Amino acid sequence: MKKLLGLFIFFLLFLILPFVFRSAEATQCTFQSVTDPSSDTISIQPSQTANIRVFAHGDERHWYAKVDPPNPSGDYDLGISQVGHWTNEYSIPGSFFTSPTGSHLLYVYNIDSSNNRENCGTQMYVNVSTAPPPTDDPNCSIDFSTGNPSGSRSINKGESLQISVTGAPTPGDMYLIKSNGNIVKQSSITRDFIINFPDGGTFLLEAWHQYGSGETKKCHGGAISVSVSGTGDCSVVLTHFDSDGNLHFKLNFQTSGEYDVDLYSKIDGSWGIRDKKQFNLGVGVSIAEGSFEKNLFLDGADRYQVRASRTDPNPVDCTATAEFLPTDDQLSGGGGEPGKNPCGAGPNGEIGGSCPTALGNFSSNGVELISKIFDISFGIAGAIALILMVIGAIRVLMSSGDQQKLNGGREQIIAAIAGLLFIVFSILILQFIDAKLINVGFQ
């Protein structure tokens, strides 16, 4: 009876677990309003568009927007996504929503190559109304110093944008500059602001006038979308292959948050993710370390690459490593960092790695290297002394009473013995100075 019960439980788990893990994959994408990222509601008129920003990670998939009540014409096609971490903005026309007015529940989902569907873990309400949109504040206007007062602007990571607010504020008023709904600058004195962009991504900048009464209105023409190109303030580098053939890496970053480090392999011209390491890095930390196991490099791939990205906050790709292909020596534990001297570090990055040679393994540790040189030198010197003694003895035996040859053989034997004694006393003296310098089998 117990065996039947166990088999029944195993069968239930076999049926349920795939759905559990499939639902967990749905959290790989989220979306938000471009206008107000902190809000779960988008308000538009029928002639306007609902602008959303999608954050996702994964392989290439087809993406759609779905509305409830459903649109009789079908779901809205958002197109095919790229591979890896990506962020994109989409504009869904007001005509897509089934009625000219009312509240609609908006979903985003994707379909993979096997026609499997996954929903994003987010949903939003879209309110369609014929009421006129709220008017901008006529008491302030905005100049983004871009030649295009409103619309969009593209800059490089690390550049800044100057914003000037014009108006006649009264005492107690304050000007606010928001980036993706978050206040980044505020002042009741200056009306000129410099906004820095240390990270890549897309940012919606808005200027607001906050009255002394607490009422807040957006300044006239007070919004611009800024696209910042370039990698973020993070990078990943390879350090070494350890004695088990595992590849170690180091993640350098400046902004705390959640990071992914992915190992990619290229097979038949196509890149795919082999493994993923996730980090939740707090303030006060600037380096994280990890490794990928040896068996991940045994798939016969043409090349490999390690890529990293910050997933939260402000998703951005980090500087990736160069493409590489591990050697058999590195995977067998005799390698080091790709492209670097394998003698430079030990299996765990410490000083003291070894390099195999015809004379044995030579260490990069200074003390161990000197010890190795002494061992070889004393061995050669002892062998030479022994050979000289043998030659001297032969000369004595072959002298045939010739006093000159006999004395020459004796002197050679005495010189060889003196040299051998010199070697022995040298070893004893070096052992006395530092036992680690000599390793000849006795202390």
Protein backbone atom coordinates (compact mmCIF):
# COMPACT_ATOMS: atom_id res chain seq x y z
CA MET A 1 0.00 0.00 0.00
CA LYS A 2 2.85 2.40 0.88
CA LYS A 3 4.55 1.70 -2.45
CA LEU A 4 1.33 2.47 -4.36
CA LEU A 5 0.91 5.71 -2.40
CA GLY A 6 4.52 6.72 -3.17
CA LEU A 7 4.04 6.02 -6.89
CA PHE A 8 0.85 8.07 -6.89
CA ILE A 9 2.58 11.09 -5.25
CA PHE A 10 5.49 10.83 -7.71
CA PHE A 11 3.04 10.79 -10.63
CA LEU A 12 1.29 13.93 -9.31
CA LEU A 13 4.61 15.76 -8.94
CA PHE A 14 5.56 14.72 -12.46
CA LEU A 15 2.38 16.35 -13.77
CA ILE A 16 2.45 19.49 -11.60
CA LEU A 17 6.13 20.52 -11.56
CA PRO A 18 6.37 21.49 -15.26
CA PHE A 19 3.52 23.95 -14.78
CA VAL A 20 5.12 25.36 -11.62
CA PHE A 21 8.40 26.05 -13.38
CA ARG A 22 6.66 27.34 -16.49
CA SER A 23 4.76 29.90 -14.41
CA ALA A 24 8.02 30.93 -12.74
CA GLU A 25 9.46 31.78 -16.15
CA ALA A 26 6.73 34.38 -16.64
CA THR A 27 8.55 36.70 -14.21
CA GLN A 28 11.32 37.16 -16.78
CA CYS A 29 9.45 40.12 -18.25
CA THR A 30 7.70 43.18 -16.84
CA PHE A 31 6.33 46.35 -18.37
CA GLN A 32 5.39 49.82 -17.17
CA SER A 33 3.96 53.10 -18.35
CA VAL A 34 6.44 55.34 -20.15
CA THR A 35 4.69 58.49 -18.93
CA ASP A 36 4.43 57.49 -15.26
CA PRO A 37 6.44 54.32 -14.44
CA SER A 38 5.22 54.31 -10.84
CA SER A 39 1.55 54.10 -11.84
CA ASP A 40 -0.39 50.98 -12.82
CA THR A 41 -2.85 53.02 -14.91
CA ILE A 42 -2.52 54.73 -18.29
CA SER A 43 -5.06 57.40 -19.24
CA ILE A 44 -5.44 58.29 -22.90
CA GLN A 45 -7.92 59.63 -25.40
CA PRO A 46 -9.10 57.50 -28.34
CA SER A 47 -6.82 59.40 -30.70
CA GLN A 48 -3.77 58.90 -28.48
CA THR A 49 -1.50 55.90 -27.86
CA ALA A 50 -0.80 53.90 -24.71
CA ASN A 51 3.00 53.97 -24.41
CA ILE A 52 4.58 51.09 -22.48
CA ARG A 53 8.18 50.09 -21.76
CA VAL A 54 8.95 46.33 -21.64
CA PHE A 55 11.89 44.85 -19.72
CA ALA A 56 12.69 41.23 -20.57
CA HIS A 57 15.36 38.59 -20.71
CA GLY A 58 15.51 35.36 -22.67
CA ASP A 59 15.79 33.91 -26.13
CA GLU A 60 14.19 35.23 -29.32
CA ARG A 61 10.39 35.28 -29.04
CA HIS A 62 7.30 36.88 -30.60
CA TRP A 63 5.56 39.42 -28.35
CA TYR A 64 1.91 40.51 -28.23
CA ALA A 65 -0.34 42.84 -26.21
CA LYS A 66 -3.73 41.56 -25.13
CA VAL A 67 -6.63 43.57 -23.75
CA ASP A 68 -9.61 42.59 -21.61
CA PRO A 69 -12.36 42.93 -22.83
CA PRO A 70 -10.69 41.29 -25.84
CA ASN A 71 -10.35 42.96 -29.21
CA PRO A 72 -12.40 41.02 -31.83
CA SER A 73 -9.64 41.59 -34.38
CA GLY A 74 -7.08 39.78 -32.24
CA ASP A 75 -4.12 40.75 -30.10
CA TYR A 76 -1.72 43.58 -30.94
CA ASP A 77 1.55 42.41 -32.54
CA LEU A 78 4.60 43.93 -30.81
CA GLY A 79 7.15 42.11 -32.99
CA ILE A 80 10.08 39.77 -32.33
CA SER A 81 12.46 40.45 -29.45
CA GLN A 82 16.23 40.25 -29.36
CA VAL A 83 18.27 37.71 -27.36
CA GLY A 84 19.40 38.39 -23.78
CA HIS A 85 18.45 41.40 -21.69
CA TRP A 86 16.55 44.08 -23.58
CA THR A 87 14.30 47.07 -23.04
CA ASN A 88 11.95 48.47 -25.66
CA GLU A 89 9.10 50.94 -25.87
CA TYR A 90 5.85 50.27 -27.71
CA SER A 91 2.97 52.57 -28.65
CA ILE A 92 -0.42 50.85 -28.69
CA PRO A 93 -3.05 52.93 -30.55
CA GLY A 94 -6.23 53.94 -28.74
CA SER A 95 -8.26 52.24 -31.49
CA PHE A 96 -6.98 48.86 -30.27
CA PHE A 97 -9.10 49.12 -27.13
CA THR A 98 -12.57 47.72 -27.68
CA SER A 99 -14.69 50.70 -26.63
CA PRO A 100 -14.10 54.45 -26.99
CA THR A 101 -14.35 54.93 -23.24
CA GLY A 102 -13.90 52.87 -20.11
CA SER A 103 -11.21 50.88 -18.33
CA HIS A 104 -9.31 48.05 -20.04
CA LEU A 105 -6.92 45.50 -18.54
CA LEU A 106 -3.71 45.27 -20.59
CA TYR A 107 -1.46 42.18 -20.67
CA VAL A 108 1.81 41.43 -22.47
CA TYR A 109 2.81 37.90 -23.42
CA ASN A 110 5.24 36.07 -25.70
CA ILE A 111 5.25 32.89 -27.78
CA ASP A 112 8.39 30.80 -28.32
CA SER A 113 9.38 28.68 -31.32
CA SER A 114 7.40 25.75 -29.92
CA ASN A 115 4.26 27.87 -29.73
CA ASN A 116 4.37 27.94 -25.93
CA ARG A 117 2.87 31.06 -24.38
CA GLU A 118 4.23 32.96 -21.36
CA ASN A 119 2.58 35.95 -19.71
CA CYS A 120 4.55 38.84 -18.24
CA GLY A 121 4.21 39.17 -14.49
CA THR A 122 2.69 42.65 -14.86
CA GLN A 123 -0.70 43.97 -15.91
CA MET A 124 -1.97 47.53 -16.25
CA TYR A 125 -5.23 49.38 -16.64
CA VAL A 126 -5.76 51.64 -19.63
CA ASN A 127 -8.47 54.25 -19.16
CA VAL A 128 -9.81 55.62 -22.45
CA SER A 129 -11.67 58.90 -22.03
CA THR A 130 -13.03 61.61 -24.32
CA ALA A 131 -12.40 64.23 -21.64
CA PRO A 132 -9.73 66.80 -22.61
CA PRO A 133 -6.28 66.05 -21.15
CA PRO A 134 -5.15 68.15 -18.20
CA THR A 135 -3.58 71.41 -19.35
CA ASP A 136 0.07 72.16 -18.73
CA ASP A 137 1.07 74.86 -16.28
CA PRO A 138 1.04 78.17 -18.17
CA ASN A 139 3.26 79.76 -15.51
CA CYS A 140 6.39 77.85 -16.52
CA SER A 141 7.95 76.51 -19.68
CA ILE A 142 10.92 74.31 -20.35
CA ASP A 143 14.01 74.43 -22.57
CA PHE A 144 16.08 71.25 -22.84
CA SER A 145 18.85 72.94 -24.87
CA THR A 146 18.55 70.25 -27.51
CA GLY A 147 17.27 72.16 -30.50
CA ASN A 148 14.13 70.10 -30.05
CA PRO A 149 12.26 71.47 -26.98
CA SER A 150 10.03 68.41 -26.78
CA GLY A 151 10.23 64.97 -28.27
CA SER A 152 13.37 62.86 -27.94
CA ARG A 153 17.12 63.16 -27.61
CA SER A 154 19.96 60.63 -27.99
CA ILE A 155 23.19 61.03 -26.04
CA ASN A 156 26.09 58.83 -24.94
CA LYS A 157 26.56 57.37 -21.48
CA GLY A 158 28.41 59.82 -19.23
CA GLU A 159 27.11 62.92 -21.02
CA SER A 160 24.82 65.47 -19.38
CA LEU A 161 21.78 67.46 -20.45
CA GLN A 162 21.07 71.06 -19.48
CA ILE A 163 17.50 72.00 -18.56
CA SER A 164 16.31 75.57 -18.08
CA VAL A 165 12.91 76.43 -16.60
CA THR A 166 11.41 79.82 -17.38
CA GLY A 167 8.64 81.41 -15.38
CA ALA A 168 7.83 83.70 -12.48
CA PRO A 169 7.68 81.59 -9.32
CA THR A 170 6.25 83.04 -6.15
CA PRO A 171 7.84 82.51 -2.70
CA GLY A 172 7.38 78.92 -1.58
CA ASP A 173 7.24 77.52 -5.12
CA MET A 174 9.65 74.82 -6.29
CA TYR A 175 10.68 73.34 -9.61
CA LEU A 176 11.08 69.56 -9.89
CA ILE A 177 12.87 67.51 -12.53
CA LYS A 178 11.71 63.90 -12.75
CA SER A 179 13.40 60.98 -14.54
CA ASN A 180 11.09 58.01 -15.17
CA GLY A 181 8.79 59.35 -12.47
CA ASN A 182 11.53 59.79 -9.85
CA ILE A 183 12.64 63.24 -8.66
CA VAL A 184 16.31 63.76 -9.56
CA LYS A 185 16.59 67.55 -9.13
CA GLN A 186 14.60 70.14 -7.22
CA SER A 187 15.17 73.77 -6.29
CA SER A 188 13.30 76.87 -5.18
CA ILE A 189 16.20 79.11 -6.24
CA THR A 190 17.90 78.01 -9.44
CA ARG A 191 16.02 77.35 -12.66
CA ASP A 192 18.97 75.83 -14.51
CA PHE A 193 19.64 72.13 -13.99
CA ILE A 194 22.35 69.75 -15.22
CA ILE A 195 21.19 66.14 -15.47
CA ASN A 196 23.92 63.47 -15.67
CA PHE A 197 23.42 60.05 -17.25
CA PRO A 198 26.00 57.57 -15.89
CA ASP A 199 23.95 54.58 -17.09
CA GLY A 200 22.61 53.50 -20.45
CA GLY A 201 18.89 53.13 -21.10
CA THR A 202 15.82 55.19 -21.91
CA PHE A 203 14.69 57.95 -19.55
CA LEU A 204 11.60 60.19 -19.62
CA LEU A 205 12.52 63.64 -18.25
CA GLU A 206 9.77 65.96 -17.04
CA ALA A 207 9.74 69.43 -15.46
CA TRP A 208 7.11 70.18 -12.81
CA HIS A 209 6.02 73.31 -10.97
CA GLN A 210 5.16 72.70 -7.33
CA TYR A 211 3.20 75.54 -5.79
CA GLY A 212 3.48 76.56 -2.16
CA SER A 213 -0.02 75.17 -1.64
CA GLY A 214 1.25 71.69 -2.59
CA GLU A 215 -0.44 71.61 -6.01
CA THR A 216 1.88 70.27 -8.73
CA LYS A 217 1.54 70.83 -12.49
CA LYS A 218 3.74 69.83 -15.37
CA CYS A 219 5.45 72.74 -17.13
CA HIS A 220 4.47 73.61 -20.67
CA GLY A 221 6.40 71.37 -23.10
CA GLY A 222 7.94 69.77 -20.05
CA ALA A 223 8.73 66.24 -21.23
CA ILE A 224 11.44 64.64 -23.34
CA SER A 225 12.56 61.05 -23.93
CA VAL A 226 16.33 60.63 -23.58
CA SER A 227 17.99 57.55 -25.06
CA VAL A 228 21.42 56.95 -23.53
CA SER A 229 23.67 54.62 -25.49
CA GLY A 230 26.71 52.74 -24.23
CA THR A 231 27.29 50.16 -21.55
CA GLY A 232 26.67 50.79 -17.89
CA ASP A 233 29.08 51.29 -15.02
CA CYS A 234 29.85 47.59 -14.79
CA SER A 235 32.03 45.02 -16.51
CA VAL A 236 32.91 41.35 -16.27
CA VAL A 237 36.44 39.94 -16.71
CA LEU A 238 37.83 36.41 -16.69
CA THR A 239 40.46 35.62 -14.05
CA HIS A 240 41.61 31.99 -14.41
CA PHE A 241 40.82 28.31 -14.87
CA ASP A 242 41.33 26.44 -11.60
CA SER A 243 42.83 22.98 -11.08
CA ASP A 244 39.44 21.36 -11.81
CA GLY A 245 39.03 23.21 -15.12
CA ASN A 246 36.35 25.61 -13.81
CA LEU A 247 36.39 29.15 -15.22
CA HIS A 248 36.46 31.96 -12.66
CA PHE A 249 35.23 35.50 -13.38
CA LYS A 250 35.06 38.84 -11.61
CA LEU A 251 32.16 41.31 -11.88
CA ASN A 252 33.11 44.97 -11.35
CA PHE A 253 30.32 47.47 -10.72
CA GLN A 254 29.55 50.85 -9.17
CA THR A 255 25.78 50.76 -8.76
CA SER A 256 24.22 48.35 -6.27
CA GLY A 257 21.37 46.17 -7.49
CA GLU A 258 20.59 42.83 -9.12
CA TYR A 259 22.99 41.49 -11.74
CA ASP A 260 23.07 38.50 -14.10
CA VAL A 261 26.27 36.97 -15.46
CA ASP A 262 25.61 34.69 -18.44
CA LEU A 263 27.88 32.22 -20.21
CA TYR A 264 27.12 32.18 -23.95
CA SER A 265 28.27 29.53 -26.43
CA LYS A 266 28.35 29.83 -30.22
CA ILE A 267 27.37 26.66 -32.08
CA ASP A 268 26.87 26.61 -35.86
CA GLY A 269 26.93 30.40 -35.96
CA SER A 270 24.21 30.92 -33.32
CA TRP A 271 24.72 32.22 -29.78
CA GLY A 272 22.81 30.73 -26.85
CA ILE A 273 22.95 30.87 -23.06
CA ARG A 274 24.74 27.92 -21.42
CA ASP A 275 24.46 29.03 -17.78
CA LYS A 276 23.44 31.99 -15.63
CA LYS A 277 24.74 33.32 -12.30
CA GLN A 278 22.64 35.87 -10.39
CA PHE A 279 23.88 38.37 -7.81
CA ASN A 280 22.06 40.74 -5.46
CA LEU A 281 24.78 43.26 -4.63
CA GLY A 282 24.40 45.86 -1.93
CA VAL A 283 25.99 49.20 -1.14
CA GLY A 284 29.66 49.15 -0.12
CA VAL A 285 30.54 46.28 -2.48
CA SER A 286 32.23 46.87 -5.84
CA ILE A 287 33.42 43.39 -6.88
CA ALA A 288 31.68 40.03 -7.04
CA GLU A 289 33.28 36.73 -8.03
CA GLY A 290 31.91 33.49 -9.39
CA SER A 291 32.73 30.56 -11.66
CA PHE A 292 31.34 28.35 -14.43
CA GLU A 293 31.86 24.59 -14.19
CA LYS A 294 34.16 22.71 -16.55
CA ASN A 295 31.35 20.57 -18.06
CA LEU A 296 29.77 23.70 -19.58
CA PHE A 297 32.72 23.91 -22.00
CA LEU A 298 32.41 20.34 -23.29
CA ASP A 299 29.55 20.95 -25.75
CA GLY A 300 31.79 21.36 -28.79
CA ALA A 301 31.02 25.07 -29.23
CA ASP A 302 33.02 27.22 -31.64
CA ARG A 303 33.47 30.12 -29.19
CA TYR A 304 32.34 31.28 -25.74
CA GLN A 305 31.65 34.68 -24.20
CA VAL A 306 30.69 35.86 -20.71
CA ARG A 307 28.17 38.71 -20.63
CA ALA A 308 26.75 40.59 -17.66
CA SER A 309 23.86 42.98 -17.12
CA ARG A 310 22.12 44.85 -14.34
CA THR A 311 18.46 43.87 -14.19
CA ASP A 312 17.37 46.26 -11.42
CA PRO A 313 17.42 49.23 -11.07
CA ASN A 314 17.61 50.79 -14.57
CA PRO A 315 18.41 47.62 -16.59
CA VAL A 316 21.62 48.02 -18.58
CA ASP A 317 24.17 45.73 -20.25
CA CYS A 318 27.67 45.63 -18.77
CA THR A 319 30.92 45.45 -20.72
CA ALA A 320 31.30 41.82 -21.79
CA THR A 321 34.44 39.73 -22.18
CA ALA A 322 36.07 39.00 -25.51
CA GLU A 323 35.14 35.76 -27.24
CA PHE A 324 37.38 32.85 -26.25
CA LEU A 325 37.85 29.09 -26.62
CA PRO A 326 39.40 27.19 -23.67
CA THR A 327 42.44 25.03 -24.40
CA ASP A 328 42.72 21.40 -23.33
CA ASP A 329 45.44 22.47 -20.88
CA GLN A 330 43.11 25.02 -19.22
CA LEU A 331 40.27 22.51 -18.90
CA SER A 332 42.66 19.91 -17.45
CA GLY A 333 43.69 22.30 -14.69
CA GLY A 334 47.00 23.50 -16.09
CA GLY A 335 45.83 26.79 -17.52
CA GLY A 336 45.22 30.29 -16.36
CA GLU A 337 43.34 33.31 -17.55
CA PRO A 338 42.79 33.15 -21.35
CA GLY A 339 45.54 35.08 -23.11
CA LYS A 340 47.74 35.37 -20.01
CA ASN A 341 50.78 33.53 -18.65
CA PRO A 342 49.45 30.36 -16.91
CA CYS A 343 52.41 30.51 -14.47
CA GLY A 344 51.14 33.76 -12.97
CA ALA A 345 48.72 32.36 -10.39
CA GLY A 346 47.82 29.22 -8.54
CA PRO A 347 44.57 27.26 -8.99
CA ASN A 348 42.63 29.70 -6.83
CA GLY A 349 44.34 32.90 -7.97
CA GLU A 350 47.02 32.87 -5.24
CA ILE A 351 50.72 33.40 -5.87
CA GLY A 352 52.41 30.07 -6.43
CA GLY A 353 51.12 28.59 -9.67
CA SER A 354 53.32 26.10 -11.48
CA CYS A 355 54.38 25.64 -15.08
CA PRO A 356 55.23 22.19 -16.45
CA THR A 357 58.65 21.99 -18.19
CA ALA A 358 61.04 19.27 -19.33
CA LEU A 359 62.87 19.65 -15.99
CA GLY A 360 59.68 19.36 -13.92
CA ASN A 361 57.12 21.85 -12.61
CA PHE A 362 58.48 25.33 -11.92
CA SER A 363 56.56 27.50 -9.47
CA SER A 364 55.95 31.25 -9.90
CA ASN A 365 56.42 31.63 -6.13
CA GLY A 366 59.87 33.13 -5.51
CA VAL A 367 60.89 30.86 -2.61
CA GLU A 368 59.69 27.71 -4.35
CA LEU A 369 61.41 28.73 -7.60
CA ILE A 370 64.77 29.32 -5.83
CA SER A 371 64.37 26.00 -4.02
CA LYS A 372 63.79 24.26 -7.35
CA ILE A 373 66.89 25.90 -8.88
CA PHE A 374 69.01 24.88 -5.88
CA ASP A 375 67.75 21.30 -6.08
CA ILE A 376 68.67 21.03 -9.74
CA SER A 377 72.02 22.82 -9.29
CA PHE A 378 73.15 20.68 -6.35
CA GLY A 379 72.08 17.53 -8.15
CA ILE A 380 74.15 18.45 -11.22
CA ALA A 381 77.12 19.51 -9.08
CA GLY A 382 77.04 16.24 -7.12
CA ALA A 383 76.92 14.23 -10.33
CA ILE A 384 79.90 16.14 -11.74
CA ALA A 385 81.89 15.54 -8.52
CA LEU A 386 81.16 11.82 -8.72
CA ILE A 387 82.24 11.68 -12.38
CA LEU A 388 85.49 13.54 -11.57
CA MET A 389 86.27 11.08 -8.75
CA VAL A 390 85.72 8.15 -11.10
CA ILE A 391 87.95 9.73 -13.76
CA GLY A 392 90.63 10.45 -11.11
CA ALA A 393 90.51 6.86 -9.89
CA ILE A 394 90.90 5.61 -13.47
CA ARG A 395 93.93 7.89 -13.95
CA VAL A 396 95.51 6.48 -10.77
CA LEU A 397 94.93 2.92 -11.92
CA MET A 398 96.26 3.66 -15.39
CA SER A 399 99.38 5.52 -14.18
CA SER A 400 101.58 2.34 -14.37
CA GLY A 401 104.09 3.78 -11.91
CA ASP A 402 104.26 7.13 -13.71
CA GLN A 403 104.57 9.50 -10.76
CA GLN A 404 103.21 12.51 -12.71
CA LYS A 405 100.04 10.64 -13.82
CA LEU A 406 99.62 9.19 -10.32
CA ASN A 407 99.79 12.65 -8.69
CA GLY A 408 97.41 14.10 -11.28
CA GLY A 409 94.81 11.40 -10.56
CA ARG A 410 95.15 11.87 -6.80
CA GLU A 411 94.75 15.66 -7.10
CA GLN A 412 91.63 15.20 -9.22
CA ILE A 413 90.09 12.84 -6.64
CA ILE A 414 90.94 15.25 -3.80
CA ALA A 415 89.47 18.21 -5.75
CA ALA A 416 86.28 16.26 -6.45
CA ILE A 417 85.94 15.28 -2.77
CA ALA A 418 86.57 18.90 -1.74
CA GLY A 419 83.90 20.09 -4.16
CA LEU A 420 81.46 17.48 -2.86
CA LEU A 421 82.14 18.57 0.74
CA PHE A 422 81.62 22.19 -0.34
CA ILE A 423 78.21 21.23 -1.75
CA VAL A 424 77.23 19.37 1.44
CA PHE A 425 78.26 22.26 3.71
CA SER A 426 76.43 24.73 1.39
CA ILE A 427 73.25 22.69 1.77
CA LEU A 428 73.63 22.64 5.57
CA ILE A 429 74.20 26.40 5.70
CA LEU A 430 71.17 27.14 3.48
CA GLN A 431 69.07 24.75 5.59
CA PHE A 432 70.12 26.72 8.65
CA ILE A 433 69.18 30.04 6.99
CA ASP A 434 65.80 28.85 5.67
CA ALA A 435 64.72 25.23 5.47
CA LYS A 436 62.23 26.11 2.71
CA LEU A 437 65.05 26.96 0.31
CA ILE A 438 66.32 23.39 0.11
CA ASN A 439 64.37 20.18 -0.27
CA VAL A 440 66.77 17.31 -0.72
CA GLY A 441 65.12 14.79 1.55
CA PHE A 442 66.47 15.82 4.95
CA GLN A 443 66.21 18.80 7.31
